[in-house]
């Protein structure tokens, strides 16, 4: 039994999503340091370090988890379900890095949830929505 493909991404959409997710995660993660006790790294230095050293892991994790989730969600026409699912995926993959530490430090999870949602939201216009019969909807619908 074939699942209907209602949401179809253009080929470059996953790269756009990974880029937006990575930059948003690094930005939110570095801004969170403003609320912590003073340290050797300021927010700008942490942002640049996270941007550089996190690029390869972001691509690997983005392809390994984001692509299968996107394929799984193709039958769901409502894109808000996609945004919510990516936010949930961001929470699940970062939960072990902060919540289970002693003392709990959920900064990674707090940064990744909006970043993953923003990454999926950034490709909103790069998708084609199809009707149940597989045809593209009429203009203006």
Protein backbone atom coordinates (compact mmCIF):
# COMPACT_ATOMS: atom_id res chain seq x y z
CA UNK A 1 0.00 0.00 0.00
CA UNK A 2 1.44 3.31 -1.05
CA UNK A 3 1.15 6.34 1.17
CA UNK A 4 -0.07 9.47 -0.60
CA UNK A 5 2.54 12.18 -1.02
CA UNK A 6 0.79 15.44 -0.26
CA UNK A 7 3.79 17.56 0.72
CA UNK A 8 6.74 17.54 -1.64
CA UNK A 9 9.93 19.51 -0.97
CA UNK A 10 12.16 20.99 -3.64
CA UNK A 11 15.64 19.41 -3.58
CA UNK A 12 17.40 22.35 -1.90
CA UNK A 13 14.87 22.59 0.94
CA UNK A 14 16.71 20.26 3.30
CA UNK A 15 19.88 22.35 2.99
CA UNK A 16 17.94 25.53 3.75
CA UNK A 17 16.31 23.86 6.75
CA UNK A 18 19.64 22.60 8.09
CA UNK A 19 21.25 26.03 7.66
CA UNK A 20 18.42 27.89 9.41
CA UNK A 21 18.27 25.32 12.20
CA UNK A 22 22.02 25.45 12.80
CA UNK A 23 22.27 29.24 12.83
CA UNK A 24 19.18 29.60 15.04
CA UNK A 25 20.47 26.97 17.49
CA UNK A 26 23.88 28.65 17.75
CA UNK A 27 22.29 32.07 18.23
CA UNK A 28 19.82 30.99 20.92
CA UNK A 29 22.43 28.82 22.65
CA UNK A 30 24.95 31.68 22.77
CA UNK A 31 22.37 34.23 23.95
CA UNK A 32 21.46 31.97 26.83
CA UNK A 33 24.95 32.50 28.23
CA UNK A 34 23.99 36.09 29.00
CA UNK A 35 21.85 34.74 31.85
CA UNK A 36 24.57 32.50 33.29
CA UNK A 37 27.34 33.49 35.70
CA UNK A 38 30.27 35.24 33.98
CA UNK A 39 32.61 32.92 32.13
CA UNK A 40 35.60 33.12 29.84
CA UNK A 41 33.39 33.06 26.74
CA UNK A 42 31.08 35.87 25.84
CA UNK A 43 28.00 35.33 23.68
CA UNK A 44 29.71 36.39 20.44
CA UNK A 45 32.66 34.05 20.91
CA UNK A 46 30.39 31.17 21.82
CA UNK A 47 28.20 31.86 18.78
CA UNK A 48 31.16 31.74 16.40
CA UNK A 49 32.65 28.66 18.04
CA UNK A 50 29.33 26.81 17.95
CA UNK A 51 28.78 27.88 14.34
CA UNK A 52 32.16 26.56 13.22
CA UNK A 53 32.48 23.40 15.29
CA UNK A 54 28.83 22.44 15.00
CA UNK A 55 28.54 22.68 11.21
CA UNK A 56 29.49 19.09 10.41
CA UNK A 57 27.39 17.55 13.22
CA UNK A 58 24.45 19.73 12.13
CA UNK A 59 24.65 18.43 8.57
CA UNK A 60 25.03 14.81 9.66
CA UNK A 61 22.20 14.97 12.23
CA UNK A 62 20.03 17.07 9.92
CA UNK A 63 20.27 14.54 7.13
CA UNK A 64 20.06 11.49 9.39
CA UNK A 65 17.00 12.63 11.35
CA UNK A 66 15.38 15.46 9.41
CA UNK A 67 15.12 13.72 6.06
CA UNK A 68 13.42 10.55 7.39
CA UNK A 69 11.02 12.65 9.47
CA UNK A 70 10.18 14.72 6.40
CA UNK A 71 9.52 11.58 4.36
CA UNK A 72 7.37 10.18 7.19
CA UNK A 73 5.32 13.41 7.29
CA UNK A 74 4.69 13.64 3.53
CA UNK A 75 1.05 12.48 3.82
CA UNK A 76 0.26 15.27 6.33
CA UNK A 77 -0.92 18.24 4.28
CA UNK A 78 -1.03 20.70 7.21
CA UNK A 79 2.46 22.14 7.50
CA UNK A 80 1.95 23.15 11.13
CA UNK A 81 2.11 19.42 11.95
CA UNK A 82 5.51 19.37 10.29
CA UNK A 83 6.75 22.35 12.31
CA UNK A 84 5.52 20.79 15.54
CA UNK A 85 7.06 17.41 14.70
CA UNK A 86 10.44 18.98 14.02
CA UNK A 87 10.26 20.91 17.31
CA UNK A 88 9.45 17.66 19.11
CA UNK A 89 12.35 15.92 17.35
CA UNK A 90 14.65 18.74 18.50
CA UNK A 91 13.49 18.25 22.07
CA UNK A 92 13.95 14.48 21.94
CA UNK A 93 17.48 14.53 20.53
CA UNK A 94 18.74 17.19 22.94
CA UNK A 95 16.95 16.05 26.09
CA UNK A 96 19.75 13.71 27.22
CA UNK A 97 22.33 16.51 26.96
CA UNK A 98 20.80 18.67 29.62
CA UNK A 99 17.94 17.25 31.59
CA UNK A 100 19.70 14.12 32.80
CA UNK A 101 22.81 15.96 33.99
CA UNK A 102 23.36 16.75 37.66
CA UNK A 103 22.38 19.58 38.14
CA UNK A 104 20.00 19.78 35.18
CA UNK A 105 21.11 22.24 32.50
CA UNK A 106 18.47 22.23 29.75
CA UNK A 107 20.13 24.95 27.63
CA UNK A 108 20.59 22.67 24.63
CA UNK A 109 16.95 21.62 24.67
CA UNK A 110 15.74 25.18 25.17
CA UNK A 111 17.84 26.26 22.18
CA UNK A 112 17.04 23.33 19.89
CA UNK A 113 13.24 23.30 20.11
CA UNK A 114 12.69 26.74 18.52
CA UNK A 115 15.65 26.21 16.18
CA UNK A 116 14.25 22.97 14.77
CA UNK A 117 10.80 24.51 14.39
CA UNK A 118 12.30 27.55 12.67
CA UNK A 119 14.31 25.28 10.37
CA UNK A 120 11.14 23.55 9.16
CA UNK A 121 9.24 26.83 9.05
CA UNK A 122 11.99 28.30 6.83
CA UNK A 123 11.17 25.84 4.05
CA UNK A 124 7.42 26.52 4.17
CA UNK A 125 7.48 28.24 0.78
CA UNK A 126 9.72 25.55 -0.75
CA UNK A 127 7.06 22.85 -0.64
CA UNK A 128 4.40 21.84 -3.11
CA UNK A 129 1.08 20.79 -1.63
CA UNK A 130 -0.77 18.15 -3.62
CA UNK A 131 -4.43 17.10 -3.53
CA UNK A 132 -5.49 13.57 -2.61
CA UNK A 133 -5.36 12.52 -6.26
CA UNK A 134 -1.72 13.68 -6.56
CA UNK A 135 -2.47 16.72 -8.68
CA UNK A 136 -1.34 20.18 -7.73
CA UNK A 137 -4.16 22.37 -6.34
CA UNK A 138 -5.72 25.05 -8.46
CA UNK A 139 -4.13 28.51 -8.17
CA UNK A 140 -5.54 30.54 -5.31
CA UNK A 141 -6.48 27.52 -3.23
